[in-house]
Amino acid sequence: MNPQWQRYRELELIPDSAPAPRQAKFQLGLPLTAAWRSLLNALAREQFYEQRTEYLERCWMLNYEAPYAGESKALHKLWLLMD
C-alpha cells in the first residue's frame, strides 16, 4: 500500500474499507494542460502588471494647475501606497 495514502487515511480518519486511489499511468492531455496553464499564468501576470502600473500612475499623478503651491505630498502618497 502507498505510504502517503496510508498516512492521509489515518489523518483524515478514512475507514479501511475505502479503496485506495488509482494512479494514472499515462495522461494524454498532460502537454496540452501544461501549455494551457502556462498561457493562463502569463496572461494573469500581464494583467496584474498592467493594473498595478495603471494604479501607481493614477496615484502619482500631479496637480499641474498649482505645482509649487504648498508642500510636496510625495511622502504622504508613498505612505498611503505602502498601507
PDB file of N, CA and C in Angstrom:
ATOM      1  N   MET A   1       0.838  -1.182   0.000  1.00  0.00           N
ATOM      2  CA  MET A   1       0.000   0.000   0.000  1.00  0.00           C
ATOM      3  C   MET A   1       0.881   1.243   0.000  1.00  0.00           C
ATOM      4  N   ASN A   2       0.416   2.278  -0.625  1.00  0.00           N
ATOM      5  CA  ASN A   2       1.132   3.532  -0.735  1.00  0.00           C
ATOM      6  C   ASN A   2       1.240   4.178   0.653  1.00  0.00           C
ATOM      7  N   PRO A   3       2.448   4.494   1.121  1.00  0.00           N
ATOM      8  CA  PRO A   3       2.573   5.086   2.463  1.00  0.00           C
ATOM      9  C   PRO A   3       1.919   6.462   2.567  1.00  0.00           C
ATOM     10  N   GLN A   4       1.898   7.228   1.479  1.00  0.00           N
ATOM     11  CA  GLN A   4       1.239   8.538   1.518  1.00  0.00           C
ATOM     12  C   GLN A   4      -0.264   8.370   1.707  1.00  0.00           C
ATOM     13  N   TRP A   5      -0.845   7.417   0.995  1.00  0.00           N
ATOM     14  CA  TRP A   5      -2.278   7.172   1.134  1.00  0.00           C
ATOM     15  C   TRP A   5      -2.599   6.682   2.544  1.00  0.00           C
ATOM     16  N   GLN A   6      -1.754   5.841   3.079  1.00  0.00           N
ATOM     17  CA  GLN A   6      -1.979   5.313   4.420  1.00  0.00           C
ATOM     18  C   GLN A   6      -1.921   6.443   5.451  1.00  0.00           C
ATOM     19  N   ARG A   7      -0.947   7.319   5.328  1.00  0.00           N
ATOM     20  CA  ARG A   7      -0.818   8.455   6.244  1.00  0.00           C
ATOM     21  C   ARG A   7      -2.016   9.397   6.102  1.00  0.00           C
ATOM     22  N   TYR A   8      -2.423   9.676   4.867  1.00  0.00           N
ATOM     23  CA  TYR A   8      -3.581  10.534   4.628  1.00  0.00           C
ATOM     24  C   TYR A   8      -4.841   9.911   5.232  1.00  0.00           C
ATOM     25  N   ARG A   9      -4.991   8.606   5.037  1.00  0.00           N
ATOM     26  CA  ARG A   9      -6.166   7.907   5.555  1.00  0.00           C
ATOM     27  C   ARG A   9      -6.204   7.981   7.081  1.00  0.00           C
ATOM     28  N   GLU A  10      -5.060   7.848   7.718  1.00  0.00           N
ATOM     29  CA  GLU A  10      -5.004   7.939   9.174  1.00  0.00           C
ATOM     30  C   GLU A  10      -5.318   9.346   9.672  1.00  0.00           C
ATOM     31  N   LEU A  11      -4.781  10.356   8.993  1.00  0.00           N
ATOM     32  CA  LEU A  11      -5.004  11.739   9.427  1.00  0.00           C
ATOM     33  C   LEU A  11      -6.441  12.184   9.213  1.00  0.00           C
ATOM     34  N   GLU A  12      -7.048  11.759   8.121  1.00  0.00           N
ATOM     35  CA  GLU A  12      -8.412  12.175   7.797  1.00  0.00           C
ATOM     36  C   GLU A  12      -9.471  11.219   8.347  1.00  0.00           C
ATOM     37  N   LEU A  13      -9.022  10.187   9.061  1.00  0.00           N
ATOM     38  CA  LEU A  13      -9.928   9.210   9.668  1.00  0.00           C
ATOM     39  C   LEU A  13     -10.819   8.537   8.633  1.00  0.00           C
ATOM     40  N   ILE A  14     -10.214   8.167   7.512  1.00  0.00           N
ATOM     41  CA  ILE A  14     -10.938   7.465   6.449  1.00  0.00           C
ATOM     42  C   ILE A  14     -10.966   5.983   6.813  1.00  0.00           C
ATOM     43  N   PRO A  15     -12.119   5.341   6.713  1.00  0.00           N
ATOM     44  CA  PRO A  15     -12.193   3.927   7.109  1.00  0.00           C
ATOM     45  C   PRO A  15     -11.330   3.041   6.202  1.00  0.00           C
ATOM     46  N   ASP A  16     -10.968   1.882   6.734  1.00  0.00           N
ATOM     47  CA  ASP A  16     -10.128   0.932   5.992  1.00  0.00           C
ATOM     48  C   ASP A  16     -10.833   0.367   4.767  1.00  0.00           C
ATOM     49  N   SER A  17     -12.168   0.421   4.781  1.00  0.00           N
ATOM     50  CA  SER A  17     -12.919  -0.129   3.657  1.00  0.00           C
ATOM     51  C   SER A  17     -12.862   0.772   2.417  1.00  0.00           C
ATOM     52  N   ALA A  18     -12.392   2.009   2.571  1.00  0.00           N
ATOM     53  CA  ALA A  18     -12.298   2.927   1.424  1.00  0.00           C
ATOM     54  C   ALA A  18     -11.180   2.469   0.504  1.00  0.00           C
ATOM     55  N   PRO A  19     -11.450   2.399  -0.809  1.00  0.00           N
ATOM     56  CA  PRO A  19     -10.401   1.943  -1.732  1.00  0.00           C
ATOM     57  C   PRO A  19      -9.324   3.007  -1.919  1.00  0.00           C
ATOM     58  N   ALA A  20      -8.130   2.548  -2.155  1.00  0.00           N
ATOM     59  CA  ALA A  20      -7.020   3.457  -2.425  1.00  0.00           C
ATOM     60  C   ALA A  20      -7.209   4.068  -3.809  1.00  0.00           C
ATOM     61  N   PRO A  21      -6.807   5.323  -4.002  1.00  0.00           N
ATOM     62  CA  PRO A  21      -6.965   5.948  -5.320  1.00  0.00           C
ATOM     63  C   PRO A  21      -6.061   5.281  -6.352  1.00  0.00           C
ATOM     64  N   ARG A  22      -6.571   5.198  -7.561  1.00  0.00           N
ATOM     65  CA  ARG A  22      -5.777   4.621  -8.650  1.00  0.00           C
ATOM     66  C   ARG A  22      -4.815   5.665  -9.179  1.00  0.00           C
ATOM     67  N   GLN A  23      -3.642   5.226  -9.508  1.00  0.00           N
ATOM     68  CA  GLN A  23      -2.655   6.135 -10.056  1.00  0.00           C
ATOM     69  C   GLN A  23      -2.715   6.071 -11.574  1.00  0.00           C
ATOM     70  N   ALA A  24      -2.767   7.230 -12.185  1.00  0.00           N
ATOM     71  CA  ALA A  24      -2.798   7.293 -13.644  1.00  0.00           C
ATOM     72  C   ALA A  24      -1.397   6.988 -14.179  1.00  0.00           C
ATOM     73  N   LYS A  25      -1.327   6.095 -15.132  1.00  0.00           N
ATOM     74  CA  LYS A  25      -0.027   5.711 -15.683  1.00  0.00           C
ATOM     75  C   LYS A  25       0.396   6.634 -16.818  1.00  0.00           C
ATOM     76  N   PHE A  26      -0.555   7.060 -17.613  1.00  0.00           N
ATOM     77  CA  PHE A  26      -0.227   7.922 -18.743  1.00  0.00           C
ATOM     78  C   PHE A  26      -1.406   8.854 -18.986  1.00  0.00           C
ATOM     79  N   GLN A  27      -1.104  10.105 -19.105  1.00  0.00           N
ATOM     80  CA  GLN A  27      -2.149  11.078 -19.388  1.00  0.00           C
ATOM     81  C   GLN A  27      -1.868  11.690 -20.754  1.00  0.00           C
ATOM     82  N   LEU A  28      -2.824  11.540 -21.633  1.00  0.00           N
ATOM     83  CA  LEU A  28      -2.651  12.029 -22.996  1.00  0.00           C
ATOM     84  C   LEU A  28      -2.663  13.556 -23.059  1.00  0.00           C
ATOM     85  N   GLY A  29      -3.471  14.175 -22.214  1.00  0.00           N
ATOM     86  CA  GLY A  29      -3.608  15.630 -22.277  1.00  0.00           C
ATOM     87  C   GLY A  29      -2.630  16.397 -21.426  1.00  0.00           C
ATOM     88  N   LEU A  30      -1.636  15.736 -20.852  1.00  0.00           N
ATOM     89  CA  LEU A  30      -0.688  16.416 -19.978  1.00  0.00           C
ATOM     90  C   LEU A  30       0.072  17.551 -20.672  1.00  0.00           C
ATOM     91  N   PRO A  31       0.614  17.367 -21.879  1.00  0.00           N
ATOM     92  CA  PRO A  31       1.298  18.502 -22.532  1.00  0.00           C
ATOM     93  C   PRO A  31       0.345  19.656 -22.830  1.00  0.00           C
ATOM     94  N   LEU A  32      -0.876  19.329 -23.231  1.00  0.00           N
ATOM     95  CA  LEU A  32      -1.853  20.375 -23.515  1.00  0.00           C
ATOM     96  C   LEU A  32      -2.228  21.120 -22.237  1.00  0.00           C
ATOM     97  N   THR A  33      -2.391  20.381 -21.169  1.00  0.00           N
ATOM     98  CA  THR A  33      -2.720  21.000 -19.886  1.00  0.00           C
ATOM     99  C   THR A  33      -1.594  21.918 -19.421  1.00  0.00           C
ATOM    100  N   ALA A  34      -0.363  21.480 -19.558  1.00  0.00           N
ATOM    101  CA  ALA A  34       0.781  22.293 -19.149  1.00  0.00           C
ATOM    102  C   ALA A  34       0.885  23.556 -20.001  1.00  0.00           C
ATOM    103  N   ALA A  35       0.664  23.435 -21.294  1.00  0.00           N
ATOM    104  CA  ALA A  35       0.719  24.608 -22.182  1.00  0.00           C
ATOM    105  C   ALA A  35      -0.401  25.585 -21.842  1.00  0.00           C
ATOM    106  N   TRP A  36      -1.590  25.066 -21.604  1.00  0.00           N
ATOM    107  CA  TRP A  36      -2.739  25.920 -21.282  1.00  0.00           C
ATOM    108  C   TRP A  36      -2.500  26.631 -19.944  1.00  0.00           C
ATOM    109  N   ARG A  37      -1.963  25.909 -18.969  1.00  0.00           N
ATOM    110  CA  ARG A  37      -1.705  26.512 -17.662  1.00  0.00           C
ATOM    111  C   ARG A  37      -0.643  27.607 -17.767  1.00  0.00           C
ATOM    112  N   SER A  38       0.413  27.371 -18.539  1.00  0.00           N
ATOM    113  CA  SER A  38       1.454  28.394 -18.683  1.00  0.00           C
ATOM    114  C   SER A  38       0.931  29.619 -19.423  1.00  0.00           C
ATOM    115  N   LEU A  39       0.061  29.414 -20.412  1.00  0.00           N
ATOM    116  CA  LEU A  39      -0.539  30.547 -21.109  1.00  0.00           C
ATOM    117  C   LEU A  39      -1.407  31.369 -20.162  1.00  0.00           C
ATOM    118  N   LEU A  40      -2.236  30.708 -19.374  1.00  0.00           N
ATOM    119  CA  LEU A  40      -3.092  31.421 -18.424  1.00  0.00           C
ATOM    120  C   LEU A  40      -2.272  32.150 -17.366  1.00  0.00           C
ATOM    121  N   ASN A  41      -1.192  31.532 -16.899  1.00  0.00           N
ATOM    122  CA  ASN A  41      -0.323  32.201 -15.928  1.00  0.00           C
ATOM    123  C   ASN A  41       0.330  33.442 -16.526  1.00  0.00           C
ATOM    124  N   ALA A  42       0.771  33.353 -17.772  1.00  0.00           N
ATOM    125  CA  ALA A  42       1.393  34.510 -18.429  1.00  0.00           C
ATOM    126  C   ALA A  42       0.384  35.639 -18.605  1.00  0.00           C
ATOM    127  N   LEU A  43      -0.829  35.293 -19.017  1.00  0.00           N
ATOM    128  CA  LEU A  43      -1.856  36.323 -19.187  1.00  0.00           C
ATOM    129  C   LEU A  43      -2.247  36.949 -17.856  1.00  0.00           C
ATOM    130  N   ALA A  44      -2.328  36.157 -16.814  1.00  0.00           N
ATOM    131  CA  ALA A  44      -2.671  36.686 -15.497  1.00  0.00           C
ATOM    132  C   ALA A  44      -1.573  37.616 -14.981  1.00  0.00           C
ATOM    133  N   ARG A  45      -0.300  37.219 -15.177  1.00  0.00           N
ATOM    134  CA  ARG A  45       0.805  38.086 -14.755  1.00  0.00           C
ATOM    135  C   ARG A  45       0.789  39.407 -15.515  1.00  0.00           C
ATOM    136  N   GLU A  46       0.531  39.350 -16.816  1.00  0.00           N
ATOM    137  CA  GLU A  46       0.494  40.572 -17.618  1.00  0.00           C
ATOM    138  C   GLU A  46      -0.649  41.475 -17.175  1.00  0.00           C
ATOM    139  N   GLN A  47      -1.811  40.896 -16.925  1.00  0.00           N
ATOM    140  CA  GLN A  47      -2.953  41.687 -16.475  1.00  0.00           C
ATOM    141  C   GLN A  47      -2.665  42.325 -15.117  1.00  0.00           C
ATOM    142  N   PHE A  48      -2.079  41.572 -14.212  1.00  0.00           N
ATOM    143  CA  PHE A  48      -1.741  42.094 -12.893  1.00  0.00           C
ATOM    144  C   PHE A  48      -0.732  43.232 -13.012  1.00  0.00           C
ATOM    145  N   TYR A  49       0.283  43.062 -13.852  1.00  0.00           N
ATOM    146  CA  TYR A  49       1.303  44.088 -14.022  1.00  0.00           C
ATOM    147  C   TYR A  49       0.697  45.366 -14.594  1.00  0.00           C
ATOM    148  N   GLU A  50      -0.175  45.223 -15.594  1.00  0.00           N
ATOM    149  CA  GLU A  50      -0.801  46.401 -16.195  1.00  0.00           C
ATOM    150  C   GLU A  50      -1.687  47.126 -15.187  1.00  0.00           C
ATOM    151  N   GLN A  51      -2.472  46.389 -14.429  1.00  0.00           N
ATOM    152  CA  GLN A  51      -3.343  47.030 -13.437  1.00  0.00           C
ATOM    153  C   GLN A  51      -2.518  47.717 -12.358  1.00  0.00           C
ATOM    154  N   ARG A  52      -1.447  47.074 -11.920  1.00  0.00           N
ATOM    155  CA  ARG A  52      -0.608  47.678 -10.897  1.00  0.00           C
ATOM    156  C   ARG A  52       0.046  48.943 -11.421  1.00  0.00           C
ATOM    157  N   THR A  53       0.528  48.900 -12.659  1.00  0.00           N
ATOM    158  CA  THR A  53       1.167  50.073 -13.247  1.00  0.00           C
ATOM    159  C   THR A  53       0.182  51.219 -13.399  1.00  0.00           C
ATOM    160  N   GLU A  54      -1.014  50.924 -13.910  1.00  0.00           N
ATOM    161  CA  GLU A  54      -2.024  51.972 -14.055  1.00  0.00           C
ATOM    162  C   GLU A  54      -2.422  52.551 -12.705  1.00  0.00           C
ATOM    163  N   TYR A  55      -2.539  51.713 -11.689  1.00  0.00           N
ATOM    164  CA  TYR A  55      -2.899  52.189 -10.360  1.00  0.00           C
ATOM    165  C   TYR A  55      -1.823  53.114  -9.811  1.00  0.00           C
ATOM    166  N   LEU A  56      -0.555  52.704  -9.935  1.00  0.00           N
ATOM    167  CA  LEU A  56       0.528  53.548  -9.434  1.00  0.00           C
ATOM    168  C   LEU A  56       0.619  54.857 -10.209  1.00  0.00           C
ATOM    169  N   GLU A  57       0.389  54.817 -11.515  1.00  0.00           N
ATOM    170  CA  GLU A  57       0.403  56.054 -12.294  1.00  0.00           C
ATOM    171  C   GLU A  57      -0.713  56.990 -11.860  1.00  0.00           C
ATOM    172  N   ARG A  58      -1.897  56.440 -11.594  1.00  0.00           N
ATOM    173  CA  ARG A  58      -3.002  57.286 -11.117  1.00  0.00           C
ATOM    174  C   ARG A  58      -2.689  57.865  -9.742  1.00  0.00           C
ATOM    175  N   CYS A  59      -2.045  57.091  -8.901  1.00  0.00           N
ATOM    176  CA  CYS A  59      -1.727  57.570  -7.555  1.00  0.00           C
ATOM    177  C   CYS A  59      -0.675  58.670  -7.566  1.00  0.00           C
ATOM    178  N   TRP A  60       0.256  58.591  -8.495  1.00  0.00           N
ATOM    179  CA  TRP A  60       1.347  59.555  -8.520  1.00  0.00           C
ATOM    180  C   TRP A  60       1.102  60.726  -9.452  1.00  0.00           C
ATOM    181  N   MET A  61      -0.093  60.838 -10.034  1.00  0.00           N
ATOM    182  CA  MET A  61      -0.381  61.975 -10.921  1.00  0.00           C
ATOM    183  C   MET A  61      -0.278  63.279 -10.132  1.00  0.00           C
ATOM    184  N   LEU A  62       0.326  64.258 -10.737  1.00  0.00           N
ATOM    185  CA  LEU A  62       0.495  65.552 -10.077  1.00  0.00           C
ATOM    186  C   LEU A  62      -0.606  66.501 -10.503  1.00  0.00           C
ATOM    187  N   ASN A  63      -0.882  67.449  -9.661  1.00  0.00           N
ATOM    188  CA  ASN A  63      -1.824  68.504  -9.989  1.00  0.00           C
ATOM    189  C   ASN A  63      -1.035  69.601 -10.699  1.00  0.00           C
ATOM    190  N   TYR A  64      -1.170  69.683 -12.003  1.00  0.00           N
ATOM    191  CA  TYR A  64      -0.364  70.631 -12.782  1.00  0.00           C
ATOM    192  C   TYR A  64      -0.912  72.045 -12.736  1.00  0.00           C
ATOM    193  N   GLU A  65      -2.054  72.261 -12.135  1.00  0.00           N
ATOM    194  CA  GLU A  65      -2.592  73.620 -12.018  1.00  0.00           C
ATOM    195  C   GLU A  65      -1.793  74.437 -11.008  1.00  0.00           C
ATOM    196  N   ALA A  66      -1.357  73.794  -9.948  1.00  0.00           N
ATOM    197  CA  ALA A  66      -0.588  74.516  -8.926  1.00  0.00           C
ATOM    198  C   ALA A  66       0.590  73.623  -8.486  1.00  0.00           C
ATOM    199  N   PRO A  67       1.626  73.507  -9.320  1.00  0.00           N
ATOM    200  CA  PRO A  67       2.707  72.575  -8.997  1.00  0.00           C
ATOM    201  C   PRO A  67       3.555  72.998  -7.803  1.00  0.00           C
ATOM    202  N   TYR A  68       3.640  74.313  -7.542  1.00  0.00           N
ATOM    203  CA  TYR A  68       4.520  74.768  -6.471  1.00  0.00           C
ATOM    204  C   TYR A  68       3.743  75.317  -5.284  1.00  0.00           C
ATOM    205  N   ALA A  69       2.460  75.083  -5.255  1.00  0.00           N
ATOM    206  CA  ALA A  69       1.649  75.573  -4.140  1.00  0.00           C
ATOM    207  C   ALA A  69       1.683  74.561  -2.997  1.00  0.00           C
ATOM    208  N   GLY A  70       2.143  75.009  -1.842  1.00  0.00           N
ATOM    209  CA  GLY A  70       2.129  74.132  -0.668  1.00  0.00           C
ATOM    210  C   GLY A  70       3.270  73.131  -0.672  1.00  0.00           C
ATOM    211  N   GLU A  71       3.220  72.255   0.313  1.00  0.00           N
ATOM    212  CA  GLU A  71       4.271  71.252   0.458  1.00  0.00           C
ATOM    213  C   GLU A  71       4.045  70.082  -0.490  1.00  0.00           C
ATOM    214  N   SER A  72       5.101  69.345  -0.705  1.00  0.00           N
ATOM    215  CA  SER A  72       5.005  68.155  -1.526  1.00  0.00           C
ATOM    216  C   SER A  72       4.355  67.041  -0.706  1.00  0.00           C
ATOM    217  N   LYS A  73       3.411  66.370  -1.292  1.00  0.00           N
ATOM    218  CA  LYS A  73       2.706  65.288  -0.614  1.00  0.00           C
ATOM    219  C   LYS A  73       3.262  63.920  -1.023  1.00  0.00           C
ATOM    220  N   ALA A  74       4.479  63.900  -1.563  1.00  0.00           N
ATOM    221  CA  ALA A  74       5.046  62.649  -2.075  1.00  0.00           C
ATOM    222  C   ALA A  74       5.210  61.616  -0.961  1.00  0.00           C
ATOM    223  N   LEU A  75       5.697  62.050   0.199  1.00  0.00           N
ATOM    224  CA  LEU A  75       5.877  61.090   1.292  1.00  0.00           C
ATOM    225  C   LEU A  75       4.529  60.581   1.800  1.00  0.00           C
ATOM    226  N   HIS A  76       3.559  61.475   1.830  1.00  0.00           N
ATOM    227  CA  HIS A  76       2.216  61.059   2.249  1.00  0.00           C
ATOM    228  C   HIS A  76       1.634  60.059   1.255  1.00  0.00           C
ATOM    229  N   LYS A  77       1.814  60.320  -0.037  1.00  0.00           N
ATOM    230  CA  LYS A  77       1.329  59.383  -1.053  1.00  0.00           C
ATOM    231  C   LYS A  77       2.048  58.041  -0.936  1.00  0.00           C
ATOM    232  N   LEU A  78       3.363  58.074  -0.699  1.00  0.00           N
ATOM    233  CA  LEU A  78       4.115  56.832  -0.540  1.00  0.00           C
ATOM    234  C   LEU A  78       3.624  56.049   0.673  1.00  0.00           C
ATOM    235  N   TRP A  79       3.369  56.759   1.754  1.00  0.00           N
ATOM    236  CA  TRP A  79       2.862  56.102   2.957  1.00  0.00           C
ATOM    237  C   TRP A  79       1.494  55.462   2.693  1.00  0.00           C
ATOM    238  N   LEU A  80       0.620  56.166   1.975  1.00  0.00           N
ATOM    239  CA  LEU A  80      -0.689  55.604   1.648  1.00  0.00           C
ATOM    240  C   LEU A  80      -0.577  54.390   0.730  1.00  0.00           C
ATOM    241  N   LEU A  81       0.349  54.438  -0.224  1.00  0.00           N
ATOM    242  CA  LEU A  81       0.557  53.298  -1.111  1.00  0.00           C
ATOM    243  C   LEU A  81       1.083  52.093  -0.344  1.00  0.00           C
ATOM    244  N   MET A  82       1.947  52.337   0.607  1.00  0.00           N
ATOM    245  CA  MET A  82       2.504  51.236   1.374  1.00  0.00           C
ATOM    246  C   MET A  82       1.472  50.645   2.333  1.00  0.00           C
ATOM    247  N   ASP A  83       0.500  51.456   2.713  1.00  0.00           N
ATOM    248  CA  ASP A  83      -0.561  50.962   3.607  1.00  0.00           C
ATOM    249  C   ASP A  83      -1.499  50.155   2.802  1.00  0.00           C
TER     250      ASP A  83
END
